[in-house]
């Protein structure tokens, strides 16, 4: 049984949020503000689990959390 559905990128994002004491909701709002695209928790979940590819959103997440985009490419 696979309990962890997150990609390597998703795990990296979740880890960074925990390190910073921030929530996924905060990240969703930050991405929306940065890109002008409305991001909800369902869409964010699909990105973090690899069900959706959204290069503009992934790029914004990497910039906001200061993580390498190479992590997102390996997922």
PDB file of N, CA and C in Angstrom:
ATOM      1  N   UNK A   1       0.841  -1.178   0.000  1.00  0.00           N
ATOM      2  CA  UNK A   1       0.000   0.000   0.000  1.00  0.00           C
ATOM      3  C   UNK A   1       0.892   1.249   0.000  1.00  0.00           C
ATOM      4  N   UNK A   2       0.648   2.150  -0.923  1.00  0.00           N
ATOM      5  CA  UNK A   2       1.457   3.363  -1.055  1.00  0.00           C
ATOM      6  C   UNK A   2       0.786   4.510  -0.301  1.00  0.00           C
ATOM      7  N   UNK A   3       1.331   4.847   0.858  1.00  0.00           N
ATOM      8  CA  UNK A   3       0.737   5.904   1.672  1.00  0.00           C
ATOM      9  C   UNK A   3       1.178   7.290   1.237  1.00  0.00           C
ATOM     10  N   UNK A   4       2.392   7.411   0.726  1.00  0.00           N
ATOM     11  CA  UNK A   4       2.919   8.719   0.327  1.00  0.00           C
ATOM     12  C   UNK A   4       2.820   8.855  -1.185  1.00  0.00           C
ATOM     13  N   UNK A   5       1.937   9.705  -1.630  1.00  0.00           N
ATOM     14  CA  UNK A   5       1.714   9.873  -3.060  1.00  0.00           C
ATOM     15  C   UNK A   5       2.494  11.049  -3.640  1.00  0.00           C
ATOM     16  N   UNK A   6       3.184  11.793  -2.782  1.00  0.00           N
ATOM     17  CA  UNK A   6       3.874  12.980  -3.259  1.00  0.00           C
ATOM     18  C   UNK A   6       5.112  12.620  -4.070  1.00  0.00           C
ATOM     19  N   UNK A   7       5.369  13.414  -5.093  1.00  0.00           N
ATOM     20  CA  UNK A   7       6.594  13.258  -5.876  1.00  0.00           C
ATOM     21  C   UNK A   7       7.762  13.809  -5.062  1.00  0.00           C
ATOM     22  N   UNK A   8       8.954  13.661  -5.583  1.00  0.00           N
ATOM     23  CA  UNK A   8      10.125  14.238  -4.924  1.00  0.00           C
ATOM     24  C   UNK A   8       9.952  15.746  -4.773  1.00  0.00           C
ATOM     25  N   UNK A   9       9.410  16.379  -5.804  1.00  0.00           N
ATOM     26  CA  UNK A   9       9.142  17.821  -5.746  1.00  0.00           C
ATOM     27  C   UNK A   9       8.115  18.130  -4.652  1.00  0.00           C
ATOM     28  N   UNK A  10       7.039  17.351  -4.603  1.00  0.00           N
ATOM     29  CA  UNK A  10       6.002  17.554  -3.597  1.00  0.00           C
ATOM     30  C   UNK A  10       6.543  17.430  -2.180  1.00  0.00           C
ATOM     31  N   UNK A  11       7.388  16.433  -1.958  1.00  0.00           N
ATOM     32  CA  UNK A  11       8.004  16.255  -0.639  1.00  0.00           C
ATOM     33  C   UNK A  11       8.919  17.414  -0.297  1.00  0.00           C
ATOM     34  N   UNK A  12       9.655  17.896  -1.289  1.00  0.00           N
ATOM     35  CA  UNK A  12      10.547  19.035  -1.073  1.00  0.00           C
ATOM     36  C   UNK A  12       9.742  20.276  -0.687  1.00  0.00           C
ATOM     37  N   UNK A  13       8.641  20.511  -1.379  1.00  0.00           N
ATOM     38  CA  UNK A  13       7.774  21.659  -1.084  1.00  0.00           C
ATOM     39  C   UNK A  13       7.202  21.539   0.330  1.00  0.00           C
ATOM     40  N   UNK A  14       6.668  20.377   0.667  1.00  0.00           N
ATOM     41  CA  UNK A  14       6.088  20.168   2.000  1.00  0.00           C
ATOM     42  C   UNK A  14       7.144  20.362   3.089  1.00  0.00           C
ATOM     43  N   UNK A  15       8.356  19.851   2.859  1.00  0.00           N
ATOM     44  CA  UNK A  15       9.447  19.994   3.826  1.00  0.00           C
ATOM     45  C   UNK A  15       9.807  21.459   4.019  1.00  0.00           C
ATOM     46  N   UNK A  16       9.899  22.204   2.925  1.00  0.00           N
ATOM     47  CA  UNK A  16      10.226  23.639   3.017  1.00  0.00           C
ATOM     48  C   UNK A  16       9.145  24.400   3.771  1.00  0.00           C
ATOM     49  N   UNK A  17       7.892  24.062   3.524  1.00  0.00           N
ATOM     50  CA  UNK A  17       6.806  24.726   4.239  1.00  0.00           C
ATOM     51  C   UNK A  17       6.910  24.461   5.744  1.00  0.00           C
ATOM     52  N   UNK A  18       7.202  23.230   6.114  1.00  0.00           N
ATOM     53  CA  UNK A  18       7.359  22.883   7.529  1.00  0.00           C
ATOM     54  C   UNK A  18       8.535  23.633   8.153  1.00  0.00           C
ATOM     55  N   UNK A  19       9.651  23.681   7.433  1.00  0.00           N
ATOM     56  CA  UNK A  19      10.837  24.385   7.936  1.00  0.00           C
ATOM     57  C   UNK A  19      10.538  25.855   8.208  1.00  0.00           C
ATOM     58  N   UNK A  20       9.708  26.444   7.362  1.00  0.00           N
ATOM     59  CA  UNK A  20       9.416  27.873   7.464  1.00  0.00           C
ATOM     60  C   UNK A  20       8.199  28.168   8.347  1.00  0.00           C
ATOM     61  N   UNK A  21       7.524  27.113   8.786  1.00  0.00           N
ATOM     62  CA  UNK A  21       6.324  27.319   9.601  1.00  0.00           C
ATOM     63  C   UNK A  21       5.171  27.893   8.795  1.00  0.00           C
ATOM     64  N   UNK A  22       5.137  27.594   7.508  1.00  0.00           N
ATOM     65  CA  UNK A  22       4.091  28.104   6.619  1.00  0.00           C
ATOM     66  C   UNK A  22       3.141  26.977   6.239  1.00  0.00           C
ATOM     67  N   UNK A  23       1.945  27.342   5.819  1.00  0.00           N
ATOM     68  CA  UNK A  23       0.947  26.358   5.416  1.00  0.00           C
ATOM     69  C   UNK A  23       0.853  26.271   3.895  1.00  0.00           C
ATOM     70  N   UNK A  24       0.219  25.204   3.435  1.00  0.00           N
ATOM     71  CA  UNK A  24      -0.015  25.066   2.000  1.00  0.00           C
ATOM     72  C   UNK A  24      -0.935  26.187   1.528  1.00  0.00           C
ATOM     73  N   UNK A  25      -1.874  26.592   2.376  1.00  0.00           N
ATOM     74  CA  UNK A  25      -2.780  27.700   2.045  1.00  0.00           C
ATOM     75  C   UNK A  25      -1.978  28.981   1.784  1.00  0.00           C
ATOM     76  N   UNK A  26      -0.965  29.240   2.618  1.00  0.00           N
ATOM     77  CA  UNK A  26      -0.094  30.398   2.423  1.00  0.00           C
ATOM     78  C   UNK A  26       0.592  30.310   1.057  1.00  0.00           C
ATOM     79  N   UNK A  27       1.076  29.111   0.714  1.00  0.00           N
ATOM     80  CA  UNK A  27       1.753  28.925  -0.573  1.00  0.00           C
ATOM     81  C   UNK A  27       0.779  29.148  -1.727  1.00  0.00           C
ATOM     82  N   UNK A  28      -0.415  28.613  -1.610  1.00  0.00           N
ATOM     83  CA  UNK A  28      -1.431  28.808  -2.653  1.00  0.00           C
ATOM     84  C   UNK A  28      -1.703  30.290  -2.867  1.00  0.00           C
ATOM     85  N   UNK A  29      -1.852  31.040  -1.783  1.00  0.00           N
ATOM     86  CA  UNK A  29      -2.106  32.480  -1.883  1.00  0.00           C
ATOM     87  C   UNK A  29      -0.906  33.207  -2.480  1.00  0.00           C
ATOM     88  N   UNK A  30       0.293  32.790  -2.117  1.00  0.00           N
ATOM     89  CA  UNK A  30       1.513  33.412  -2.646  1.00  0.00           C
ATOM     90  C   UNK A  30       1.647  33.163  -4.140  1.00  0.00           C
ATOM     91  N   UNK A  31       1.348  31.937  -4.566  1.00  0.00           N
ATOM     92  CA  UNK A  31       1.415  31.598  -5.996  1.00  0.00           C
ATOM     93  C   UNK A  31       0.355  32.387  -6.763  1.00  0.00           C
ATOM     94  N   UNK A  32      -0.842  32.483  -6.227  1.00  0.00           N
ATOM     95  CA  UNK A  32      -1.904  33.246  -6.872  1.00  0.00           C
ATOM     96  C   UNK A  32      -1.500  34.706  -7.032  1.00  0.00           C
ATOM     97  N   UNK A  33      -0.929  35.271  -5.976  1.00  0.00           N
ATOM     98  CA  UNK A  33      -0.490  36.670  -6.022  1.00  0.00           C
ATOM     99  C   UNK A  33       0.628  36.858  -7.044  1.00  0.00           C
ATOM    100  N   UNK A  34       1.549  35.912  -7.105  1.00  0.00           N
ATOM    101  CA  UNK A  34       2.708  36.033  -7.999  1.00  0.00           C
ATOM    102  C   UNK A  34       2.337  35.834  -9.466  1.00  0.00           C
ATOM    103  N   UNK A  35       1.454  34.859  -9.739  1.00  0.00           N
ATOM    104  CA  UNK A  35       1.154  34.495 -11.126  1.00  0.00           C
ATOM    105  C   UNK A  35      -0.144  35.075 -11.664  1.00  0.00           C
ATOM    106  N   UNK A  36      -1.050  35.458 -10.763  1.00  0.00           N
ATOM    107  CA  UNK A  36      -2.366  35.902 -11.198  1.00  0.00           C
ATOM    108  C   UNK A  36      -3.293  34.740 -11.506  1.00  0.00           C
ATOM    109  N   UNK A  37      -2.800  33.513 -11.303  1.00  0.00           N
ATOM    110  CA  UNK A  37      -3.611  32.319 -11.524  1.00  0.00           C
ATOM    111  C   UNK A  37      -4.208  31.871 -10.197  1.00  0.00           C
ATOM    112  N   UNK A  38      -5.470  31.540 -10.198  1.00  0.00           N
ATOM    113  CA  UNK A  38      -6.128  31.109  -8.968  1.00  0.00           C
ATOM    114  C   UNK A  38      -5.785  29.649  -8.685  1.00  0.00           C
ATOM    115  N   UNK A  39      -5.161  29.401  -7.538  1.00  0.00           N
ATOM    116  CA  UNK A  39      -4.739  28.062  -7.157  1.00  0.00           C
ATOM    117  C   UNK A  39      -5.467  27.669  -5.879  1.00  0.00           C
ATOM    118  N   UNK A  40      -6.167  26.531  -5.907  1.00  0.00           N
ATOM    119  CA  UNK A  40      -6.811  26.046  -4.697  1.00  0.00           C
ATOM    120  C   UNK A  40      -6.086  24.800  -4.202  1.00  0.00           C
ATOM    121  N   UNK A  41      -6.525  24.268  -3.060  1.00  0.00           N
ATOM    122  CA  UNK A  41      -5.806  23.144  -2.475  1.00  0.00           C
ATOM    123  C   UNK A  41      -5.890  21.883  -3.327  1.00  0.00           C
ATOM    124  N   UNK A  42      -6.978  21.683  -4.030  1.00  0.00           N
ATOM    125  CA  UNK A  42      -7.103  20.519  -4.911  1.00  0.00           C
ATOM    126  C   UNK A  42      -6.113  20.559  -6.060  1.00  0.00           C
ATOM    127  N   UNK A  43      -5.990  21.730  -6.672  1.00  0.00           N
ATOM    128  CA  UNK A  43      -5.053  21.879  -7.787  1.00  0.00           C
ATOM    129  C   UNK A  43      -3.615  21.763  -7.297  1.00  0.00           C
ATOM    130  N   UNK A  44      -3.326  22.361  -6.138  1.00  0.00           N
ATOM    131  CA  UNK A  44      -1.980  22.269  -5.564  1.00  0.00           C
ATOM    132  C   UNK A  44      -1.643  20.813  -5.267  1.00  0.00           C
ATOM    133  N   UNK A  45      -2.595  20.067  -4.725  1.00  0.00           N
ATOM    134  CA  UNK A  45      -2.384  18.654  -4.428  1.00  0.00           C
ATOM    135  C   UNK A  45      -2.019  17.890  -5.700  1.00  0.00           C
ATOM    136  N   UNK A  46      -2.718  18.167  -6.788  1.00  0.00           N
ATOM    137  CA  UNK A  46      -2.438  17.483  -8.053  1.00  0.00           C
ATOM    138  C   UNK A  46      -1.038  17.810  -8.562  1.00  0.00           C
ATOM    139  N   UNK A  47      -0.589  19.017  -8.348  1.00  0.00           N
ATOM    140  CA  UNK A  47       0.767  19.399  -8.751  1.00  0.00           C
ATOM    141  C   UNK A  47       1.797  18.663  -7.889  1.00  0.00           C
ATOM    142  N   UNK A  48       1.572  18.636  -6.574  1.00  0.00           N
ATOM    143  CA  UNK A  48       2.528  18.028  -5.654  1.00  0.00           C
ATOM    144  C   UNK A  48       2.567  16.507  -5.758  1.00  0.00           C
ATOM    145  N   UNK A  49       1.507  15.901  -6.310  1.00  0.00           N
ATOM    146  CA  UNK A  49       1.488  14.445  -6.485  1.00  0.00           C
ATOM    147  C   UNK A  49       1.814  14.033  -7.917  1.00  0.00           C
ATOM    148  N   UNK A  50       2.080  15.013  -8.787  1.00  0.00           N
ATOM    149  CA  UNK A  50       2.457  14.709 -10.159  1.00  0.00           C
ATOM    150  C   UNK A  50       1.302  14.413 -11.090  1.00  0.00           C
ATOM    151  N   UNK A  51       0.083  14.653 -10.649  1.00  0.00           N
ATOM    152  CA  UNK A  51      -1.086  14.406 -11.497  1.00  0.00           C
ATOM    153  C   UNK A  51      -1.274  15.503 -12.536  1.00  0.00           C
ATOM    154  N   UNK A  52      -0.724  16.684 -12.244  1.00  0.00           N
ATOM    155  CA  UNK A  52      -0.814  17.823 -13.167  1.00  0.00           C
ATOM    156  C   UNK A  52       0.569  18.411 -13.371  1.00  0.00           C
ATOM    157  N   UNK A  53       0.844  18.786 -14.581  1.00  0.00           N
ATOM    158  CA  UNK A  53       2.074  19.514 -14.897  1.00  0.00           C
ATOM    159  C   UNK A  53       1.680  20.965 -15.129  1.00  0.00           C
ATOM    160  N   UNK A  54       2.265  21.848 -14.378  1.00  0.00           N
ATOM    161  CA  UNK A  54       1.949  23.270 -14.490  1.00  0.00           C
ATOM    162  C   UNK A  54       3.246  24.061 -14.353  1.00  0.00           C
ATOM    163  N   UNK A  55       4.006  24.173 -15.446  1.00  0.00           N
ATOM    164  CA  UNK A  55       5.339  24.791 -15.387  1.00  0.00           C
ATOM    165  C   UNK A  55       5.358  26.196 -14.777  1.00  0.00           C
ATOM    166  N   UNK A  56       4.373  27.020 -15.088  1.00  0.00           N
ATOM    167  CA  UNK A  56       4.350  28.387 -14.551  1.00  0.00           C
ATOM    168  C   UNK A  56       4.156  28.370 -13.037  1.00  0.00           C
ATOM    169  N   UNK A  57       3.282  27.497 -12.569  1.00  0.00           N
ATOM    170  CA  UNK A  57       3.028  27.398 -11.129  1.00  0.00           C
ATOM    171  C   UNK A  57       4.216  26.781 -10.411  1.00  0.00           C
ATOM    172  N   UNK A  58       4.783  25.729 -10.979  1.00  0.00           N
ATOM    173  CA  UNK A  58       5.961  25.085 -10.383  1.00  0.00           C
ATOM    174  C   UNK A  58       7.104  26.084 -10.283  1.00  0.00           C
ATOM    175  N   UNK A  59       7.304  26.869 -11.327  1.00  0.00           N
ATOM    176  CA  UNK A  59       8.350  27.889 -11.318  1.00  0.00           C
ATOM    177  C   UNK A  59       8.114  28.909 -10.207  1.00  0.00           C
ATOM    178  N   UNK A  60       6.864  29.317 -10.037  1.00  0.00           N
ATOM    179  CA  UNK A  60       6.531  30.275  -8.978  1.00  0.00           C
ATOM    180  C   UNK A  60       6.771  29.661  -7.598  1.00  0.00           C
ATOM    181  N   UNK A  61       6.399  28.401  -7.419  1.00  0.00           N
ATOM    182  CA  UNK A  61       6.630  27.714  -6.145  1.00  0.00           C
ATOM    183  C   UNK A  61       8.121  27.674  -5.833  1.00  0.00           C
ATOM    184  N   UNK A  62       8.921  27.310  -6.828  1.00  0.00           N
ATOM    185  CA  UNK A  62      10.370  27.234  -6.641  1.00  0.00           C
ATOM    186  C   UNK A  62      10.942  28.596  -6.260  1.00  0.00           C
ATOM    187  N   UNK A  63      10.467  29.641  -6.899  1.00  0.00           N
ATOM    188  CA  UNK A  63      10.943  30.986  -6.602  1.00  0.00           C
ATOM    189  C   UNK A  63      10.521  31.433  -5.195  1.00  0.00           C
ATOM    190  N   UNK A  64       9.285  31.175  -4.830  1.00  0.00           N
ATOM    191  CA  UNK A  64       8.766  31.580  -3.522  1.00  0.00           C
ATOM    192  C   UNK A  64       9.511  30.865  -2.399  1.00  0.00           C
ATOM    193  N   UNK A  65       9.750  29.556  -2.586  1.00  0.00           N
ATOM    194  CA  UNK A  65      10.394  28.770  -1.537  1.00  0.00           C
ATOM    195  C   UNK A  65      11.911  28.693  -1.693  1.00  0.00           C
ATOM    196  N   UNK A  66      12.406  29.310  -2.761  1.00  0.00           N
ATOM    197  CA  UNK A  66      13.843  29.319  -3.025  1.00  0.00           C
ATOM    198  C   UNK A  66      14.397  27.889  -3.116  1.00  0.00           C
ATOM    199  N   UNK A  67      13.725  27.060  -3.926  1.00  0.00           N
ATOM    200  CA  UNK A  67      14.208  25.712  -4.165  1.00  0.00           C
ATOM    201  C   UNK A  67      14.533  25.564  -5.646  1.00  0.00           C
ATOM    202  N   UNK A  68      15.354  24.603  -5.965  1.00  0.00           N
ATOM    203  CA  UNK A  68      15.820  24.407  -7.328  1.00  0.00           C
ATOM    204  C   UNK A  68      14.715  23.806  -8.197  1.00  0.00           C
ATOM    205  N   UNK A  69      14.595  24.306  -9.403  1.00  0.00           N
ATOM    206  CA  UNK A  69      13.614  23.740 -10.332  1.00  0.00           C
ATOM    207  C   UNK A  69      14.033  22.360 -10.804  1.00  0.00           C
ATOM    208  N   UNK A  70      15.307  21.998 -10.613  1.00  0.00           N
ATOM    209  CA  UNK A  70      15.760  20.671 -11.014  1.00  0.00           C
ATOM    210  C   UNK A  70      15.046  19.575 -10.207  1.00  0.00           C
ATOM    211  N   UNK A  71      14.618  19.907  -8.995  1.00  0.00           N
ATOM    212  CA  UNK A  71      13.873  18.948  -8.177  1.00  0.00           C
ATOM    213  C   UNK A  71      12.553  18.636  -8.859  1.00  0.00           C
ATOM    214  N   UNK A  72      11.913  19.654  -9.425  1.00  0.00           N
ATOM    215  CA  UNK A  72      10.620  19.447 -10.074  1.00  0.00           C
ATOM    216  C   UNK A  72      10.775  18.645 -11.367  1.00  0.00           C
ATOM    217  N   UNK A  73      11.923  18.775 -12.010  1.00  0.00           N
ATOM    218  CA  UNK A  73      12.142  18.064 -13.271  1.00  0.00           C
ATOM    219  C   UNK A  73      12.396  16.585 -13.053  1.00  0.00           C
ATOM    220  N   UNK A  74      12.931  16.224 -11.897  1.00  0.00           N
ATOM    221  CA  UNK A  74      13.232  14.818 -11.633  1.00  0.00           C
ATOM    222  C   UNK A  74      12.013  14.047 -11.135  1.00  0.00           C
ATOM    223  N   UNK A  75      10.931  14.741 -10.852  1.00  0.00           N
ATOM    224  CA  UNK A  75       9.719  14.072 -10.350  1.00  0.00           C
ATOM    225  C   UNK A  75       8.854  13.566 -11.475  1.00  0.00           C
TER     226      UNK A  75
END
